[in-house]
Every structure is written in structure tokens, then in C-alpha cells.
Amino acid sequence: MEEQQEKKRGILVVDDEPDFASALQHALESDVCEVTTAANKAEAQQAVKTMDPDLVILGTLSPRGDAFSLHQWLRENPKTRDLPIIVMDAPPEKQLVKGWRRDEAALMDAEDYVSKPIEPDALATRAQSILEKAHKQIRVLIVDDHAVVRDGIQSVLELQNDIEVVGEAENGKEALAKVSELSPDIVIMDIMMPEMNGLEATKRIYEEYPRTRVVMLSQYDDEENILAAEQIGAHGFIPKRAASSQLVNAIRAVHYVG
């Protein structure tokens, strides 16, 4: 019986510069990747429906605003809202013609951001890295001294196909032992905990387990704690009151981009 071939990963390149799109397509195509190009918003939307891509490289489009509009369409569509996106913005001299506006950039939800000019091979390398990560679940450790908080976070994360909760810890000391045992990609860390607080645990993780990244989650979201978290190596800080709306996006952003 013949071995079944693994399905190729689909990449959609959306860009209104045909020479660049063609060069990028050539750089991306391989035995495991199949690339489709689209030169405008309508073509891109049709391609998404036809090919069900694993990654979208969202480049420059005319008129200005079409790239953002396509981005919003992808994020509002239940089938594509979790789709990895690389945003490729216009070069400085073309920003006013087809670049992202400031208010649009504030709503950007993407795994990576680059701007032209960029070599196709360099962008292809970044795309391959994101694809490899996207096909693996993000391993998360939850650290909080309140069981109800841990259960709430776990219930949110369990709904995500690309995230796996690998363990829980009640304090910083236990968190260090779990990181050593489980090697999670991301640690969701509370600040105020018995035995060892979250700041001390984060500092130790940053020094001893550099591949594991920490997102601080605390009700104490004053400027002093946020600054302290950044200084000791945390990759993000989310107030508990906003956790349900921000946590999943923060985990993905920290994992893919850092």
C-alpha cells in the first residue's frame, strides 16, 4: 500500500506588485508549500474561500485601506479569524498612497509585521518559521494561587485549537519546578502569590529557561508593576479584568513574534 502524501501547506500572497508577488511565490514554493497569489481584495477573498490557506501574507493594495479592510474581513470570519497573517506594509515613500493608517495599525492582529523593501527569501524564511509554529500547539502553563482563576483561564484556552494547557501551579516556586518538568512555550503568571511571587519567578525563568516566555496576568496593573515585569524579562502584561478579551491574542503574539 502506498504511503499517503502529506497535504501541502497553502500560502496566499496578496500584493498589487506582480513582479514582487511572483518573486515571493518562487521563494516560498517547495515540496511542502503551495502558493497562490492575489492582486486585489476581491481576488484574495475568492482565493481564501477556494484554497483554505494556512498562512496569508498581506502585502500592499490599492486603493489605500483595502489591505486593512481585507485584514478585518479575515479576522471577523469564523473560519479565518485564527489564521496566521504576516502584514507587509508599504515603504515610507508610499505610505500615504497605500500604507496602513495609524488608526488601522492600532487594530492590527498579525503574527508578524514587515515593511517593504524586503528580500523575498528573507520574507519566505519568516513565513516558514510561522508555519512551523502554527502546526504545533502552543504549550501553556497557568500560574495563579486562586483555583477559580486557573479554571477560568483554562476554560478559555481549551477552546483554542492551537493552544494546549500542559499544567498549573499555585505559586512561583511550584512554577519553576513545572517549567523544568514540562518545558512550556508560554507561562501565564500572576504577581501576588505565596512562597515566591510572580516577579521573582519570572526573573528566574528568564535567566534559567530562556526559551520559555512569560505573560504577566495581574489585577495590579499599575505602572510600577508593568515596568518591573518588563525589566525582569516578561514578554507581556495583561490586567485580569481584560484577560478574556486579550489573553489568547497575547499568547499567540508572544509565541510567534516575541
C-alpha atoms as a PDB file:
ATOM      1  CA  MET A   1       0.000   0.000   0.000  1.00  0.00           C
ATOM      2  CA  GLU A   2       1.395   3.406  -0.977  1.00  0.00           C
ATOM      3  CA  GLU A   3       2.206   5.908   1.718  1.00  0.00           C
ATOM      4  CA  GLN A   4      -0.241   8.815   1.798  1.00  0.00           C
ATOM      5  CA  GLN A   5       1.443  12.085   0.948  1.00  0.00           C
ATOM      6  CA  GLU A   6       1.200  14.870   3.496  1.00  0.00           C
ATOM      7  CA  LYS A   7      -1.098  17.683   2.412  1.00  0.00           C
ATOM      8  CA  LYS A   8       0.823  20.711   1.234  1.00  0.00           C
ATOM      9  CA  ARG A   9       0.546  23.864   3.312  1.00  0.00           C
ATOM     10  CA  GLY A  10      -1.201  26.645   1.458  1.00  0.00           C
ATOM     11  CA  ILE A  11       0.141  30.193   1.446  1.00  0.00           C
ATOM     12  CA  LEU A  12      -1.814  33.097  -0.002  1.00  0.00           C
ATOM     13  CA  VAL A  13       0.277  36.075  -1.128  1.00  0.00           C
ATOM     14  CA  VAL A  14      -1.787  39.245  -1.535  1.00  0.00           C
ATOM     15  CA  ASP A  15       0.076  42.095  -3.236  1.00  0.00           C
ATOM     16  CA  ASP A  16      -0.541  44.529  -6.074  1.00  0.00           C
ATOM     17  CA  GLU A  17       3.048  44.443  -7.372  1.00  0.00           C
ATOM     18  CA  PRO A  18       3.135  41.445  -9.755  1.00  0.00           C
ATOM     19  CA  ASP A  19       6.925  41.218 -10.044  1.00  0.00           C
ATOM     20  CA  PHE A  20       7.372  41.119  -6.266  1.00  0.00           C
ATOM     21  CA  ALA A  21       4.481  38.673  -5.800  1.00  0.00           C
ATOM     22  CA  SER A  22       5.982  36.369  -8.425  1.00  0.00           C
ATOM     23  CA  ALA A  23       9.439  36.503  -6.815  1.00  0.00           C
ATOM     24  CA  LEU A  24       7.944  35.772  -3.390  1.00  0.00           C
ATOM     25  CA  GLN A  25       5.916  32.895  -4.794  1.00  0.00           C
ATOM     26  CA  HIS A  26       9.110  31.402  -6.249  1.00  0.00           C
ATOM     27  CA  ALA A  27      10.911  31.789  -2.895  1.00  0.00           C
ATOM     28  CA  LEU A  28       8.077  30.164  -0.954  1.00  0.00           C
ATOM     29  CA  GLU A  29       7.157  27.217  -3.150  1.00  0.00           C
ATOM     30  CA  SER A  30       8.569  23.850  -2.121  1.00  0.00           C
ATOM     31  CA  ASP A  31       7.644  20.202  -1.720  1.00  0.00           C
ATOM     32  CA  VAL A  32       5.549  21.085   1.335  1.00  0.00           C
ATOM     33  CA  CYS A  33       4.155  24.507   0.361  1.00  0.00           C
ATOM     34  CA  GLU A  34       1.754  25.572  -2.368  1.00  0.00           C
ATOM     35  CA  VAL A  35       1.433  29.302  -3.102  1.00  0.00           C
ATOM     36  CA  THR A  36      -1.446  31.262  -4.597  1.00  0.00           C
ATOM     37  CA  THR A  37      -1.255  34.970  -5.417  1.00  0.00           C
ATOM     38  CA  ALA A  38      -3.955  37.635  -5.464  1.00  0.00           C
ATOM     39  CA  ALA A  39      -3.568  41.199  -6.727  1.00  0.00           C
ATOM     40  CA  ASN A  40      -6.571  42.792  -5.026  1.00  0.00           C
ATOM     41  CA  LYS A  41      -9.084  42.363  -2.223  1.00  0.00           C
ATOM     42  CA  ALA A  42     -11.732  40.569  -4.307  1.00  0.00           C
ATOM     43  CA  GLU A  43      -9.228  38.050  -5.687  1.00  0.00           C
ATOM     44  CA  ALA A  44      -7.901  37.432  -2.181  1.00  0.00           C
ATOM     45  CA  GLN A  45     -11.367  36.781  -0.735  1.00  0.00           C
ATOM     46  CA  GLN A  46     -12.148  34.322  -3.510  1.00  0.00           C
ATOM     47  CA  ALA A  47      -8.798  32.567  -3.021  1.00  0.00           C
ATOM     48  CA  VAL A  48      -9.424  32.198   0.723  1.00  0.00           C
ATOM     49  CA  LYS A  49     -12.762  30.503   0.020  1.00  0.00           C
ATOM     50  CA  THR A  50     -11.226  28.225  -2.611  1.00  0.00           C
ATOM     51  CA  MET A  51      -7.908  27.183  -1.088  1.00  0.00           C
ATOM     52  CA  ASP A  52      -8.402  27.415   2.720  1.00  0.00           C
ATOM     53  CA  PRO A  53      -4.845  28.766   3.295  1.00  0.00           C
ATOM     54  CA  ASP A  54      -2.604  28.014   6.267  1.00  0.00           C
ATOM     55  CA  LEU A  55      -0.969  31.461   6.092  1.00  0.00           C
ATOM     56  CA  VAL A  56      -1.724  34.814   4.460  1.00  0.00           C
ATOM     57  CA  ILE A  57       0.986  37.301   3.527  1.00  0.00           C
ATOM     58  CA  LEU A  58      -0.965  40.543   3.313  1.00  0.00           C
ATOM     59  CA  GLY A  59       1.033  42.998   1.238  1.00  0.00           C
ATOM     60  CA  THR A  60       0.255  46.360  -0.320  1.00  0.00           C
ATOM     61  CA  LEU A  61      -3.042  47.012  -2.064  1.00  0.00           C
ATOM     62  CA  SER A  62      -4.605  49.944  -3.859  1.00  0.00           C
ATOM     63  CA  PRO A  63      -6.599  51.898  -3.015  1.00  0.00           C
ATOM     64  CA  ARG A  64      -5.270  52.675   0.441  1.00  0.00           C
ATOM     65  CA  GLY A  65      -7.393  50.975   3.066  1.00  0.00           C
ATOM     66  CA  ASP A  66      -8.039  47.783   1.107  1.00  0.00           C
ATOM     67  CA  ALA A  67      -5.323  45.861   2.971  1.00  0.00           C
ATOM     68  CA  PHE A  68      -6.864  46.840   6.316  1.00  0.00           C
ATOM     69  CA  SER A  69     -10.352  46.003   5.048  1.00  0.00           C
ATOM     70  CA  LEU A  70      -9.172  42.539   3.978  1.00  0.00           C
ATOM     71  CA  HIS A  71      -7.440  42.089   7.340  1.00  0.00           C
ATOM     72  CA  GLN A  72     -10.709  42.879   9.147  1.00  0.00           C
ATOM     73  CA  TRP A  73     -12.657  40.519   6.879  1.00  0.00           C
ATOM     74  CA  LEU A  74     -10.242  37.695   7.737  1.00  0.00           C
ATOM     75  CA  ARG A  75     -10.425  38.390  11.464  1.00  0.00           C
ATOM     76  CA  GLU A  76     -14.233  38.671  11.529  1.00  0.00           C
ATOM     77  CA  ASN A  77     -14.780  35.452   9.557  1.00  0.00           C
ATOM     78  CA  PRO A  78     -15.131  32.476  11.981  1.00  0.00           C
ATOM     79  CA  LYS A  79     -13.232  30.222   9.554  1.00  0.00           C
ATOM     80  CA  THR A  80     -10.214  32.540   9.246  1.00  0.00           C
ATOM     81  CA  ARG A  81     -10.099  34.558  12.472  1.00  0.00           C
ATOM     82  CA  ASP A  82      -7.220  32.440  13.833  1.00  0.00           C
ATOM     83  CA  LEU A  83      -5.368  32.270  10.509  1.00  0.00           C
ATOM     84  CA  PRO A  84      -1.721  33.393  10.790  1.00  0.00           C
ATOM     85  CA  ILE A  85      -1.120  36.666   8.934  1.00  0.00           C
ATOM     86  CA  ILE A  86       2.076  38.471   8.005  1.00  0.00           C
ATOM     87  CA  VAL A  87       1.402  42.138   7.268  1.00  0.00           C
ATOM     88  CA  MET A  88       3.788  43.642   4.707  1.00  0.00           C
ATOM     89  CA  ASP A  89       3.370  47.413   4.723  1.00  0.00           C
ATOM     90  CA  ALA A  90       4.274  49.947   2.037  1.00  0.00           C
ATOM     91  CA  PRO A  91       7.733  51.562   2.044  1.00  0.00           C
ATOM     92  CA  PRO A  92       7.988  55.022   3.667  1.00  0.00           C
ATOM     93  CA  GLU A  93       7.746  56.893   0.357  1.00  0.00           C
ATOM     94  CA  LYS A  94       4.423  55.172  -0.481  1.00  0.00           C
ATOM     95  CA  GLN A  95       2.823  55.233   2.967  1.00  0.00           C
ATOM     96  CA  LEU A  96       0.369  57.981   2.069  1.00  0.00           C
ATOM     97  CA  VAL A  97      -0.742  56.142  -1.072  1.00  0.00           C
ATOM     98  CA  LYS A  98      -1.239  52.569   0.135  1.00  0.00           C
ATOM     99  CA  GLY A  99       0.274  52.221   3.610  1.00  0.00           C
ATOM    100  CA  TRP A 100      -1.587  51.404   6.815  1.00  0.00           C
ATOM    101  CA  ARG A 101      -3.094  54.427   8.586  1.00  0.00           C
ATOM    102  CA  ARG A 102      -2.349  54.904  12.275  1.00  0.00           C
ATOM    103  CA  ASP A 103      -5.880  54.052  13.365  1.00  0.00           C
ATOM    104  CA  GLU A 104      -5.759  50.897  11.227  1.00  0.00           C
ATOM    105  CA  ALA A 105      -2.377  49.863  12.635  1.00  0.00           C
ATOM    106  CA  ALA A 106      -3.780  50.106  16.166  1.00  0.00           C
ATOM    107  CA  LEU A 107      -6.249  47.326  15.242  1.00  0.00           C
ATOM    108  CA  MET A 108      -3.687  45.113  13.522  1.00  0.00           C
ATOM    109  CA  ASP A 109      -3.780  41.494  14.667  1.00  0.00           C
ATOM    110  CA  ALA A 110      -0.937  39.670  12.942  1.00  0.00           C
ATOM    111  CA  GLU A 111       1.818  37.171  13.708  1.00  0.00           C
ATOM    112  CA  ASP A 112       4.465  39.343  12.046  1.00  0.00           C
ATOM    113  CA  TYR A 113       4.874  42.805  10.544  1.00  0.00           C
ATOM    114  CA  VAL A 114       7.399  43.888   7.942  1.00  0.00           C
ATOM    115  CA  SER A 115       7.640  46.744   5.513  1.00  0.00           C
ATOM    116  CA  LYS A 116       8.976  46.995   2.013  1.00  0.00           C
ATOM    117  CA  PRO A 117      11.597  46.849   0.698  1.00  0.00           C
ATOM    118  CA  ILE A 118      12.296  43.286   1.852  1.00  0.00           C
ATOM    119  CA  GLU A 119      14.031  40.456   0.037  1.00  0.00           C
ATOM    120  CA  PRO A 120      11.644  37.619  -0.928  1.00  0.00           C
ATOM    121  CA  ASP A 121      13.999  34.996   0.533  1.00  0.00           C
ATOM    122  CA  ALA A 122      14.074  36.803   3.885  1.00  0.00           C
ATOM    123  CA  LEU A 123      10.282  37.008   3.990  1.00  0.00           C
ATOM    124  CA  ALA A 124       9.999  33.348   2.964  1.00  0.00           C
ATOM    125  CA  THR A 125      12.178  32.355   5.915  1.00  0.00           C
ATOM    126  CA  ARG A 126       9.908  34.252   8.312  1.00  0.00           C
ATOM    127  CA  ALA A 127       6.835  32.661   6.746  1.00  0.00           C
ATOM    128  CA  GLN A 128       8.235  29.146   7.097  1.00  0.00           C
ATOM    129  CA  SER A 129       9.019  29.780  10.761  1.00  0.00           C
ATOM    130  CA  ILE A 130       5.445  30.906  11.446  1.00  0.00           C
ATOM    131  CA  LEU A 131       4.018  27.934   9.556  1.00  0.00           C
ATOM    132  CA  GLU A 132       6.098  25.501  11.580  1.00  0.00           C
ATOM    133  CA  LYS A 133       4.912  27.057  14.834  1.00  0.00           C
ATOM    134  CA  ALA A 134       1.308  27.239  13.649  1.00  0.00           C
ATOM    135  CA  HIS A 135       1.232  23.475  13.090  1.00  0.00           C
ATOM    136  CA  LYS A 136       2.296  22.848  16.669  1.00  0.00           C
ATOM    137  CA  GLN A 137       0.151  23.619  19.681  1.00  0.00           C
ATOM    138  CA  ILE A 138       1.372  26.384  21.953  1.00  0.00           C
ATOM    139  CA  ARG A 139       2.128  24.760  25.307  1.00  0.00           C
ATOM    140  CA  VAL A 140       0.911  26.916  28.202  1.00  0.00           C
ATOM    141  CA  LEU A 141       1.470  26.728  31.962  1.00  0.00           C
ATOM    142  CA  ILE A 142      -1.002  28.644  34.177  1.00  0.00           C
ATOM    143  CA  VAL A 143       0.332  30.046  37.462  1.00  0.00           C
ATOM    144  CA  ASP A 144      -2.071  31.606  39.980  1.00  0.00           C
ATOM    145  CA  ASP A 145      -2.793  30.928  43.652  1.00  0.00           C
ATOM    146  CA  HIS A 146      -6.563  31.003  43.098  1.00  0.00           C
ATOM    147  CA  ALA A 147      -8.082  27.827  41.649  1.00  0.00           C
ATOM    148  CA  VAL A 148     -11.082  29.702  40.262  1.00  0.00           C
ATOM    149  CA  VAL A 149      -8.763  31.946  38.229  1.00  0.00           C
ATOM    150  CA  ARG A 150      -6.786  28.980  36.907  1.00  0.00           C
ATOM    151  CA  ASP A 151     -10.009  27.189  35.956  1.00  0.00           C
ATOM    152  CA  GLY A 152     -11.327  30.299  34.201  1.00  0.00           C
ATOM    153  CA  ILE A 153      -8.162  30.723  32.148  1.00  0.00           C
ATOM    154  CA  GLN A 154      -8.098  27.039  31.277  1.00  0.00           C
ATOM    155  CA  SER A 155     -11.723  27.111  30.095  1.00  0.00           C
ATOM    156  CA  VAL A 156     -10.877  29.968  27.704  1.00  0.00           C
ATOM    157  CA  LEU A 157      -7.695  28.355  26.378  1.00  0.00           C
ATOM    158  CA  GLU A 158      -9.281  24.921  25.892  1.00  0.00           C
ATOM    159  CA  LEU A 159     -11.498  26.439  23.198  1.00  0.00           C
ATOM    160  CA  GLN A 160      -8.431  27.245  21.072  1.00  0.00           C
ATOM    161  CA  ASN A 161      -7.255  24.565  18.639  1.00  0.00           C
ATOM    162  CA  ASP A 162      -3.676  25.847  18.651  1.00  0.00           C
ATOM    163  CA  ILE A 163      -3.205  26.097  22.433  1.00  0.00           C
ATOM    164  CA  GLU A 164      -2.658  23.292  24.945  1.00  0.00           C
ATOM    165  CA  VAL A 165      -2.651  23.809  28.722  1.00  0.00           C
ATOM    166  CA  VAL A 166       0.099  21.477  29.907  1.00  0.00           C
ATOM    167  CA  GLY A 167      -0.052  22.243  33.624  1.00  0.00           C
ATOM    168  CA  GLU A 168      -0.891  24.514  36.531  1.00  0.00           C
ATOM    169  CA  ALA A 169       0.994  25.907  39.510  1.00  0.00           C
ATOM    170  CA  GLU A 170      -0.132  27.706  42.677  1.00  0.00           C
ATOM    171  CA  ASN A 171       2.974  29.815  43.306  1.00  0.00           C
ATOM    172  CA  GLY A 172       6.284  30.871  41.843  1.00  0.00           C
ATOM    173  CA  LYS A 173       8.280  28.063  43.445  1.00  0.00           C
ATOM    174  CA  GLU A 174       5.969  25.439  42.007  1.00  0.00           C
ATOM    175  CA  ALA A 175       6.031  27.257  38.663  1.00  0.00           C
ATOM    176  CA  LEU A 176       9.807  26.847  38.398  1.00  0.00           C
ATOM    177  CA  ALA A 177       9.517  23.114  39.023  1.00  0.00           C
ATOM    178  CA  LYS A 178       6.766  22.821  36.398  1.00  0.00           C
ATOM    179  CA  VAL A 179       8.760  24.780  33.815  1.00  0.00           C
ATOM    180  CA  SER A 180      11.706  22.452  34.370  1.00  0.00           C
ATOM    181  CA  GLU A 181       9.469  19.388  34.070  1.00  0.00           C
ATOM    182  CA  LEU A 182       7.134  20.429  31.233  1.00  0.00           C
ATOM    183  CA  SER A 183       9.121  22.945  29.121  1.00  0.00           C
ATOM    184  CA  PRO A 184       6.097  25.107  28.248  1.00  0.00           C
ATOM    185  CA  ASP A 185       6.280  27.702  25.493  1.00  0.00           C
ATOM    186  CA  ILE A 186       4.317  30.292  27.486  1.00  0.00           C
ATOM    187  CA  VAL A 187       3.734  30.827  31.211  1.00  0.00           C
ATOM    188  CA  ILE A 188       0.709  32.863  32.326  1.00  0.00           C
ATOM    189  CA  MET A 189       1.983  34.311  35.618  1.00  0.00           C
ATOM    190  CA  ASP A 190       0.158  36.048  38.456  1.00  0.00           C
ATOM    191  CA  ILE A 191       2.181  38.540  40.539  1.00  0.00           C
ATOM    192  CA  MET A 192       0.993  38.262  44.143  1.00  0.00           C
ATOM    193  CA  MET A 193       1.419  34.636  45.325  1.00  0.00           C
ATOM    194  CA  PRO A 194       2.727  32.896  48.459  1.00  0.00           C
ATOM    195  CA  GLU A 195       6.199  31.311  48.806  1.00  0.00           C
ATOM    196  CA  MET A 196       7.585  33.034  45.696  1.00  0.00           C
ATOM    197  CA  ASN A 197       5.862  35.891  43.881  1.00  0.00           C
ATOM    198  CA  GLY A 198       5.417  36.106  40.134  1.00  0.00           C
ATOM    199  CA  LEU A 199       8.100  38.722  39.575  1.00  0.00           C
ATOM    200  CA  GLU A 200      10.805  36.623  41.219  1.00  0.00           C
ATOM    201  CA  ALA A 201       9.637  33.505  39.377  1.00  0.00           C
ATOM    202  CA  THR A 202       9.632  35.367  36.056  1.00  0.00           C
ATOM    203  CA  LYS A 203      13.170  36.602  36.654  1.00  0.00           C
ATOM    204  CA  ARG A 204      14.333  33.042  37.357  1.00  0.00           C
ATOM    205  CA  ILE A 205      12.563  31.674  34.271  1.00  0.00           C
ATOM    206  CA  TYR A 206      14.097  34.382  32.090  1.00  0.00           C
ATOM    207  CA  GLU A 207      17.586  33.528  33.389  1.00  0.00           C
ATOM    208  CA  GLU A 208      17.312  29.734  33.564  1.00  0.00           C
ATOM    209  CA  TYR A 209      14.801  28.828  30.827  1.00  0.00           C
ATOM    210  CA  PRO A 210      15.222  31.432  28.064  1.00  0.00           C
ATOM    211  CA  ARG A 211      13.061  29.514  25.582  1.00  0.00           C
ATOM    212  CA  THR A 212      10.012  29.858  27.835  1.00  0.00           C
ATOM    213  CA  ARG A 213       8.266  33.225  27.663  1.00  0.00           C
ATOM    214  CA  VAL A 214       6.195  34.779  30.431  1.00  0.00           C
ATOM    215  CA  VAL A 215       2.995  36.817  30.149  1.00  0.00           C
ATOM    216  CA  MET A 216       2.113  38.532  33.424  1.00  0.00           C
ATOM    217  CA  LEU A 217      -1.565  38.482  34.379  1.00  0.00           C
ATOM    218  CA  SER A 218      -2.485  40.512  37.429  1.00  0.00           C
ATOM    219  CA  GLN A 219      -5.068  42.773  38.996  1.00  0.00           C
ATOM    220  CA  TYR A 220      -2.157  45.022  39.981  1.00  0.00           C
ATOM    221  CA  ASP A 221      -1.708  46.733  36.610  1.00  0.00           C
ATOM    222  CA  ASP A 222      -0.153  49.970  37.839  1.00  0.00           C
ATOM    223  CA  GLU A 223       2.812  51.458  36.015  1.00  0.00           C
ATOM    224  CA  GLU A 224       5.278  50.280  38.672  1.00  0.00           C
ATOM    225  CA  ASN A 225       4.357  46.609  38.258  1.00  0.00           C
ATOM    226  CA  ILE A 226       4.266  46.820  34.470  1.00  0.00           C
ATOM    227  CA  LEU A 227       7.734  48.365  34.387  1.00  0.00           C
ATOM    228  CA  ALA A 228       9.061  45.832  36.890  1.00  0.00           C
ATOM    229  CA  ALA A 229       7.699  42.977  34.774  1.00  0.00           C
ATOM    230  CA  GLU A 230       9.416  44.318  31.649  1.00  0.00           C
ATOM    231  CA  GLN A 231      12.716  44.775  33.453  1.00  0.00           C
ATOM    232  CA  ILE A 232      12.902  41.203  34.711  1.00  0.00           C
ATOM    233  CA  GLY A 233      12.094  39.613  31.356  1.00  0.00           C
ATOM    234  CA  ALA A 234       8.312  39.340  30.963  1.00  0.00           C
ATOM    235  CA  HIS A 235       7.143  39.425  27.341  1.00  0.00           C
ATOM    236  CA  GLY A 236       3.716  40.862  28.087  1.00  0.00           C
ATOM    237  CA  PHE A 237       1.435  42.211  30.826  1.00  0.00           C
ATOM    238  CA  ILE A 238      -2.364  41.874  30.863  1.00  0.00           C
ATOM    239  CA  PRO A 239      -4.774  43.188  33.522  1.00  0.00           C
ATOM    240  CA  LYS A 240      -7.026  40.423  34.858  1.00  0.00           C
ATOM    241  CA  ARG A 241     -10.104  42.497  34.097  1.00  0.00           C
ATOM    242  CA  ALA A 242      -9.202  42.366  30.374  1.00  0.00           C
ATOM    243  CA  ALA A 243      -7.949  38.782  30.311  1.00  0.00           C
ATOM    244  CA  SER A 244     -10.870  37.246  28.457  1.00  0.00           C
ATOM    245  CA  SER A 245     -10.521  39.631  25.504  1.00  0.00           C
ATOM    246  CA  GLN A 246      -6.730  39.945  25.344  1.00  0.00           C
ATOM    247  CA  LEU A 247      -5.181  36.749  26.678  1.00  0.00           C
ATOM    248  CA  VAL A 248      -5.464  34.472  23.635  1.00  0.00           C
ATOM    249  CA  ASN A 249      -4.148  37.134  21.252  1.00  0.00           C
ATOM    250  CA  ALA A 250      -1.299  37.932  23.656  1.00  0.00           C
ATOM    251  CA  ILE A 251      -0.270  34.269  23.880  1.00  0.00           C
ATOM    252  CA  ARG A 252      -0.139  33.961  20.098  1.00  0.00           C
ATOM    253  CA  ALA A 253       1.685  37.265  19.632  1.00  0.00           C
ATOM    254  CA  VAL A 254       4.340  36.427  22.238  1.00  0.00           C
ATOM    255  CA  HIS A 255       4.788  32.922  20.853  1.00  0.00           C
ATOM    256  CA  TYR A 256       5.067  33.895  17.193  1.00  0.00           C
ATOM    257  CA  VAL A 257       6.812  37.249  17.415  1.00  0.00           C
ATOM    258  CA  GLY A 258       8.125  37.656  20.962  1.00  0.00           C
END
